[in-house]
Protein backbone atom coordinates (compact mmCIF):
# COMPACT_ATOMS: atom_id res chain seq x y z
CA MET A 1 -0.23 0.02 0.34
CA THR A 2 1.83 3.22 -0.74
CA LYS A 3 1.15 6.12 1.87
CA ASP A 4 -1.85 8.30 0.18
CA SER A 5 -3.92 5.55 -0.47
CA SER A 6 -3.51 3.29 3.14
CA ALA A 7 -5.92 4.53 4.74
CA ALA A 8 -8.90 4.66 2.15
CA GLN A 9 -7.20 0.39 1.47
CA ALA A 10 -7.73 -0.26 4.88
CA PHE A 11 -10.98 1.48 5.30
CA ALA A 12 -12.33 -0.18 2.08
CA ALA A 13 -10.67 -3.42 3.10
CA LEU A 14 -12.47 -3.87 6.42
CA LEU A 15 -15.93 -2.81 4.85
CA ALA A 16 -15.25 -5.75 2.22
CA LEU A 17 -14.61 -8.52 5.30
CA ALA A 18 -17.79 -7.53 7.07
CA ALA A 19 -19.73 -7.48 3.80
CA ALA A 20 -18.12 -10.82 3.08
CA ALA A 21 -18.34 -11.80 6.72
CA ALA A 22 -22.39 -11.08 6.24
CA ALA A 23 -22.35 -12.75 3.17
CA LEU A 24 -20.82 -15.38 4.31
CA LEU A 25 -23.39 -16.23 8.00
CA LEU A 26 -26.53 -15.99 5.18
CA GLY A 27 -25.30 -18.27 3.34
CA LEU A 28 -24.56 -20.57 5.66
CA LEU A 29 -28.75 -20.04 7.60
CA TRP A 30 -30.24 -19.80 3.98
CA TRP A 31 -29.05 -23.31 3.29
CA GLN A 32 -29.51 -25.01 6.73
CA SER A 33 -32.64 -23.84 6.39
CA PRO A 34 -34.89 -26.03 5.13
CA HIS A 35 -33.68 -28.99 6.78
CA LEU A 36 -34.73 -26.22 10.71
CA ALA A 37 -37.74 -27.93 10.73
CA GLN A 38 -35.95 -32.02 10.29
CA GLY A 39 -33.15 -30.80 12.95
CA VAL A 40 -36.11 -30.15 15.58
CA LEU A 41 -38.05 -33.38 15.06
CA LEU A 42 -34.30 -35.42 15.07
CA ALA A 43 -33.37 -32.89 18.21
CA CYS A 44 -36.62 -34.38 19.81
CA GLN A 45 -35.17 -39.15 19.86
CA SER A 46 -34.67 -40.45 22.51
CA ALA A 47 -32.59 -39.84 25.59
CA ALA A 48 -29.53 -42.34 23.65
CA GLU A 49 -29.50 -40.97 20.08
CA ALA A 50 -30.18 -37.00 21.30
CA LEU A 51 -26.21 -35.97 20.63
CA HIS A 52 -27.06 -37.51 17.20
CA GLY A 53 -30.46 -35.06 16.95
CA TYR A 54 -28.49 -31.86 18.12
CA LEU A 55 -25.86 -31.90 15.53
CA PRO A 56 -27.90 -31.47 12.58
CA LEU A 57 -29.19 -28.09 14.11
CA ALA A 58 -25.65 -26.88 14.12
CA GLY A 59 -25.28 -25.81 11.10
CA LEU A 60 -28.27 -23.15 11.07
CA LEU A 61 -27.51 -22.12 14.51
CA LEU A 62 -23.69 -21.48 14.56
CA PRO A 63 -23.85 -19.21 12.07
CA LEU A 64 -27.17 -17.54 13.39
CA GLY A 65 -25.77 -16.90 16.67
CA LEU A 66 -22.36 -15.64 14.89
CA LEU A 67 -24.63 -12.97 13.23
CA LEU A 68 -27.02 -11.79 16.38
CA ALA A 69 -23.46 -11.58 18.24
CA ALA A 70 -22.46 -8.53 16.06
CA LEU A 71 -25.10 -7.16 15.45
CA LEU A 72 -25.77 -6.71 18.67
CA ALA A 73 -21.86 -6.32 19.74
CA GLY A 74 -21.80 -3.93 16.51
CA LEU A 75 -24.64 -1.46 17.59
CA ALA A 76 -23.40 -1.56 21.39
CA LYS A 77 -20.30 -0.12 20.03
CA LEU A 78 -22.16 2.73 18.11
CA PHE A 79 -24.40 3.38 20.56
CA SER A 80 -21.11 3.58 22.63
CA GLN A 81 -18.60 6.04 21.06
CA LEU A 82 -22.22 7.82 19.53
CA ARG A 83 -22.94 9.04 23.62
CA PHE A 84 -19.72 9.49 24.68
CA THR A 85 -19.53 11.74 21.00
CA ARG A 86 -22.27 13.89 22.49
CA ARG A 87 -21.25 13.93 26.13
CA LEU A 88 -17.97 14.98 24.95
CA LEU A 89 -18.77 17.62 22.28
CA ASP A 90 -21.72 19.35 25.16
CA ASP A 91 -18.91 19.53 27.52
CA LEU A 92 -16.67 21.53 25.78
CA SER A 93 -19.27 23.97 23.64
CA ARG A 94 -20.09 24.85 27.64
CA ARG A 95 -16.37 25.86 28.04
CA GLN A 96 -15.97 28.18 24.50
CA ALA A 97 -13.33 30.99 24.78
CA PRO A 98 -13.00 34.38 22.94
CA TRP A 99 -11.05 34.14 20.14
CA PRO A 100 -7.56 35.51 20.08
CA ALA A 101 -6.67 38.10 17.54
CA GLY A 102 -5.34 36.33 15.15
CA LEU A 103 -6.62 32.84 15.05
CA ALA A 104 -9.64 33.92 12.73
CA ASP A 105 -7.43 35.30 10.24
CA LEU A 106 -5.51 31.94 10.54
CA THR A 107 -8.37 30.12 10.34
CA THR A 108 -9.93 32.15 6.96
CA ALA A 109 -6.59 31.86 4.83
CA LEU A 110 -6.63 27.71 5.99
CA GLU A 111 -10.39 28.17 4.45
CA LEU A 112 -11.65 26.78 7.79
CA ALA A 113 -13.88 29.39 9.07
CA GLY A 114 -16.78 28.44 10.85
CA ARG A 115 -15.44 25.08 11.89
CA VAL A 116 -13.08 25.58 14.12
CA THR A 117 -14.28 25.95 17.95
CA LEU A 118 -11.96 27.19 21.16
CA VAL A 119 -11.99 25.35 24.42
CA GLU A 120 -10.89 26.91 27.13
CA ASP A 121 -9.25 24.21 28.84
CA GLN A 122 -5.61 24.25 30.32
CA GLU A 123 -4.64 20.83 28.46
CA ALA A 124 -3.25 21.39 25.07
CA TYR A 125 -5.45 19.42 22.56
CA ALA A 126 -6.70 19.57 18.52
CA PHE A 127 -8.86 16.99 17.47
CA ALA A 128 -11.78 16.83 14.82
CA ALA A 129 -15.30 15.54 16.26
CA GLY A 130 -19.02 15.74 14.75
CA LEU A 131 -20.36 13.09 11.85
CA ALA A 132 -23.05 15.21 10.01
CA ARG A 133 -20.55 18.54 9.92
CA PRO A 134 -17.05 17.51 11.58
CA ARG A 135 -15.65 21.02 13.25
CA ILE A 136 -11.96 20.68 15.02
CA TRP A 137 -11.72 21.16 18.22
CA LEU A 138 -8.71 23.42 19.76
CA SER A 139 -7.89 23.94 23.35
CA SER A 140 -6.36 27.24 24.78
CA GLY A 141 -4.17 25.43 26.48
CA LEU A 142 -2.88 24.62 22.74
CA LEU A 143 -2.27 27.97 21.69
CA ALA A 144 -0.59 28.92 24.27
CA LEU A 145 1.93 26.05 23.77
CA LEU A 146 2.54 26.09 20.50
CA ASP A 147 3.82 29.49 17.79
CA GLU A 148 1.95 30.23 14.55
CA ALA A 149 3.47 27.92 11.93
CA GLU A 150 3.42 24.78 14.21
CA LEU A 151 -0.77 26.31 15.04
CA ALA A 152 -1.20 26.58 11.31
CA ALA A 153 0.47 23.06 10.64
CA VAL A 154 -1.69 21.39 13.51
CA LEU A 155 -5.13 22.78 12.00
CA ARG A 156 -4.38 21.70 8.41
CA HIS A 157 -3.45 18.11 9.55
CA GLU A 158 -7.56 18.13 11.75
CA ARG A 159 -8.71 20.03 7.78
CA HIS A 160 -7.60 16.86 6.12
CA HIS A 161 -9.76 15.10 8.45
CA LEU A 162 -12.47 16.62 8.29
CA ARG A 163 -12.15 16.87 4.05
CA ARG A 164 -12.08 12.85 4.29
CA ARG A 165 -14.98 13.06 7.28
CA ASP A 166 -12.67 10.50 9.89
CA PRO A 167 -14.76 11.01 12.58
CA LEU A 168 -17.51 8.72 10.23
CA ARG A 169 -15.25 6.81 9.10
CA VAL A 170 -13.70 6.37 12.78
CA LEU A 171 -17.34 5.40 14.29
CA LEU A 172 -17.97 2.62 11.43
CA ALA A 173 -14.34 1.32 11.61
CA ARG A 174 -14.71 0.35 14.76
CA SER A 175 -18.10 -0.78 14.78
CA VAL A 176 -17.10 -2.86 12.24
CA ALA A 177 -14.14 -4.44 13.69
CA GLN A 178 -16.17 -4.43 17.54
CA GLY A 179 -19.23 -6.63 15.91
CA LEU A 180 -16.29 -8.75 14.25
CA PHE A 181 -14.67 -10.13 17.26
CA PHE A 182 -14.98 -12.85 16.08
CA LEU A 183 -12.71 -12.37 12.55
CA PRO A 184 -8.68 -11.59 14.18
CA ALA A 185 -8.65 -9.34 10.58
CA ALA A 186 -10.71 -7.04 11.94
CA ASP A 187 -9.16 -5.18 14.20
CA ALA A 188 -6.00 -5.49 12.25
CA LEU A 189 -7.55 -3.67 9.54
CA CYS A 190 -9.55 -1.20 12.07
CA ASP A 191 -5.29 -0.36 13.29
CA ARG A 192 -4.50 -0.14 10.58
CA TYR A 193 -6.70 2.01 8.69
CA MET A 194 -6.06 4.66 12.01
CA GLN A 195 -2.44 4.65 11.76
CA ALA A 196 -2.98 5.54 8.68
CA LYS A 197 -5.49 7.92 8.18
CA GLU A 198 -2.77 10.21 10.85
CA ARG A 199 0.55 9.82 8.36
CA GLU A 200 -2.43 11.10 5.13
CA ALA A 201 -3.27 14.05 7.61
CA ASP A 202 0.80 15.05 8.80
CA ALA A 203 1.14 14.03 4.94
CA ALA A 204 -1.84 17.23 4.38
CA SER A 205 0.51 19.03 6.16
CA GLY A 206 3.02 20.19 4.05
CA ALA A 207 5.22 21.52 6.66
CA ASN A 208 7.10 18.04 8.55
CA HIS A 209 9.55 19.94 10.84
CA ASP A 210 6.81 22.50 12.02
CA LEU A 211 4.52 19.55 12.35
CA ALA A 212 6.63 17.38 13.94
CA ALA A 213 7.57 19.97 16.60
CA ALA A 214 3.91 20.50 17.35
CA LEU A 215 3.65 16.47 18.17
CA LEU A 216 7.21 16.69 20.43
CA LYS A 217 5.47 20.08 22.13
CA LEU A 218 2.11 17.60 22.65
CA LEU A 219 4.28 14.80 24.14
CA ARG A 220 6.41 16.57 26.42
CA ALA A 221 2.94 18.29 27.24
CA GLY A 222 1.72 15.05 28.55
CA ALA A 223 -1.83 15.14 26.66
CA SER A 224 -3.39 15.11 22.80
CA ALA A 225 -6.19 14.73 24.32
CA PRO A 226 -9.04 15.51 26.63
CA ALA A 227 -10.87 12.54 28.34
CA SER A 228 -13.29 10.28 26.32
CA ALA A 229 -11.67 12.07 22.98
CA SER A 230 -10.65 8.70 21.25
CA LEU A 231 -14.21 7.74 20.91
CA ALA A 232 -15.47 10.80 19.68
CA ALA A 233 -12.48 11.88 17.30
CA ALA A 234 -9.93 10.91 14.86
CA SER A 235 -7.72 11.84 17.40
CA SER A 236 -3.55 11.31 17.36
CA SER A 237 -1.84 8.32 17.10
CA GLY A 238 1.45 6.47 18.01
CA ALA A 239 2.57 10.24 18.17
CA ALA A 240 6.36 8.97 18.27
CA GLY A 241 6.40 7.35 15.25
CA ARG A 242 4.71 10.02 13.38
CA ILE A 243 7.52 12.42 14.07
CA HIS A 244 9.97 10.16 12.94
CA SER A 245 8.75 10.37 9.63
CA LEU A 246 7.89 13.42 9.49
CA LEU A 247 11.55 13.57 10.06
CA GLU A 248 13.00 10.99 7.29
CA ILE A 249 14.30 12.84 4.05
CA GLU A 250 13.29 9.32 2.73
CA PRO A 251 9.88 7.85 3.27
CA ALA A 252 10.82 4.67 4.16
CA ASP A 253 9.49 2.48 1.74
CA GLY A 254 6.28 -0.49 2.56
CA ALA A 255 6.86 -3.72 3.75
CA LEU A 256 4.46 -6.80 4.56
CA ASP A 257 2.19 -6.41 7.06
CA TRP A 258 3.36 -10.14 8.45
CA ALA A 259 0.72 -9.87 11.99
CA LEU A 260 -2.45 -8.45 9.47
CA LEU A 261 -1.37 -11.41 7.14
CA ARG A 262 -1.16 -14.00 9.67
CA ARG A 263 -4.15 -12.02 11.17
CA LEU A 264 -6.07 -13.14 7.83
CA ALA A 265 -4.79 -16.47 7.42
CA ILE A 266 -5.96 -17.56 10.40
CA SER A 267 -10.19 -15.77 9.17
CA LEU A 268 -10.10 -17.49 6.77
CA ALA A 269 -9.18 -20.79 8.36
CA LEU A 270 -12.16 -19.65 11.06
CA ALA A 271 -14.05 -19.17 7.80
CA ALA A 272 -13.46 -22.20 6.19
CA ALA A 273 -14.94 -24.34 10.10
CA LEU A 274 -17.75 -22.72 10.27
CA TRP A 275 -18.26 -24.17 6.54
CA ILE A 276 -16.98 -27.25 7.29
CA ALA A 277 -19.29 -28.07 10.09
CA SER A 278 -22.56 -26.69 8.56
CA VAL A 279 -21.57 -29.08 5.91
CA ALA A 280 -21.23 -31.39 7.90
CA SER A 281 -24.48 -30.41 10.13
CA GLN A 282 -26.50 -30.75 6.41
CA SER A 283 -25.24 -34.14 5.99
CA GLN A 284 -26.23 -35.12 9.06
CA ALA A 285 -29.25 -33.87 8.86
CA ALA A 286 -29.85 -36.43 5.22
CA SER A 287 -31.13 -38.51 8.03
CA LEU A 288 -34.85 -38.99 7.85
CA PRO A 289 -36.19 -39.30 11.79
CA VAL A 290 -37.06 -43.04 11.99
CA GLY A 291 -38.08 -42.50 16.36
CA GLY A 292 -38.81 -40.65 19.15
CA GLU A 293 -40.16 -38.84 21.68
CA CYS A 294 -41.77 -36.16 18.95
CA GLY A 295 -44.67 -38.12 18.06
CA TYR A 296 -42.82 -40.20 15.78
CA THR A 297 -42.94 -43.74 17.06
CA THR A 298 -39.93 -46.60 15.95
CA ALA A 299 -40.94 -49.07 13.59
CA PRO A 300 -40.87 -52.91 15.06
CA ALA A 301 -38.06 -55.06 14.34
CA VAL A 302 -40.79 -57.76 13.56
CA GLN A 303 -43.97 -56.72 12.17
CA GLU A 304 -46.72 -58.60 14.44
CA ARG A 305 -49.27 -61.11 13.01
CA ILE A 306 -52.54 -59.57 12.50
CA VAL A 307 -54.68 -61.81 14.45
CA THR A 308 -57.97 -62.04 12.79
CA PRO A 309 -60.80 -64.68 12.92
CA ALA A 310 -59.42 -67.26 11.01
CA ASN A 311 -56.04 -67.22 12.38
CA PHE A 312 -57.04 -67.42 16.09
CA ILE A 313 -55.70 -69.84 17.80
CA PRO A 314 -56.58 -69.94 21.34
CA MET A 315 -53.83 -70.69 24.37
CA ASP A 316 -54.38 -73.88 25.52
CA ALA A 317 -54.24 -75.07 21.82
CA ALA A 318 -51.17 -73.27 20.83
CA PRO A 319 -48.49 -75.98 19.63
CA ARG A 320 -45.64 -76.71 22.51
């Protein structure tokens, strides 16, 4: 992946993984659904055959359980992020600070007029947050920490997040990764996207040394975002590694991410195991119910002779 496209590719790969997982699980459900009634009947057989009866249900219940768990986990992550985002931004909105001289001119020059909110806070941070119309939230502590060139580099970095709608992408990426908790590749792709979007925003700032100096000051200050901001914003991450990359004269060549490849291989193995289990359960379901305790009776091994007046033999006349 190239540096200027790795975030988009990682995000697209994460969404593709989610679509493939959903297609696989729904396909297995559709394939196995005709065997549901038969599996239930087999499950009602005698205790000796109970295990044999429940096996056909695995092909249906396993993908169904994974779908429900994925949906619940993803929705829980989505709503928790929305709740924390709303709580955080409401708190910051109540602490808006008057703008100092020069900040309005700087935001206008950077085409950020009306998109920056200054917050009265001694901690130094700047991050992009918001879904429909994201904004940059800037603390008064950051203004006191940085000079004008460094502040401009930080604002250009955050402007890239606004233009790419990264706060919304972060929300979706984290929710999808949480929903696909059973696939190790999901977390790896989410982490890759989170790192790549920061590198791309760094490159978009166009001021490597000024941005590196700003990140170094933020590291020394010990805080780059308010509490819970990471749940709401496209916030900075891996500042030390980013500083190193910003100060490199020649960009490092992209190397294979072996950890990601391993997780992809494990995810494919899990998908194959799920498919094999479903195929095995379907072949098990091919056996017709021959007996049990839900209205079906087992045919006797020897058919009893039907007694009629013509063939009736009294007990005392029976052959000895």
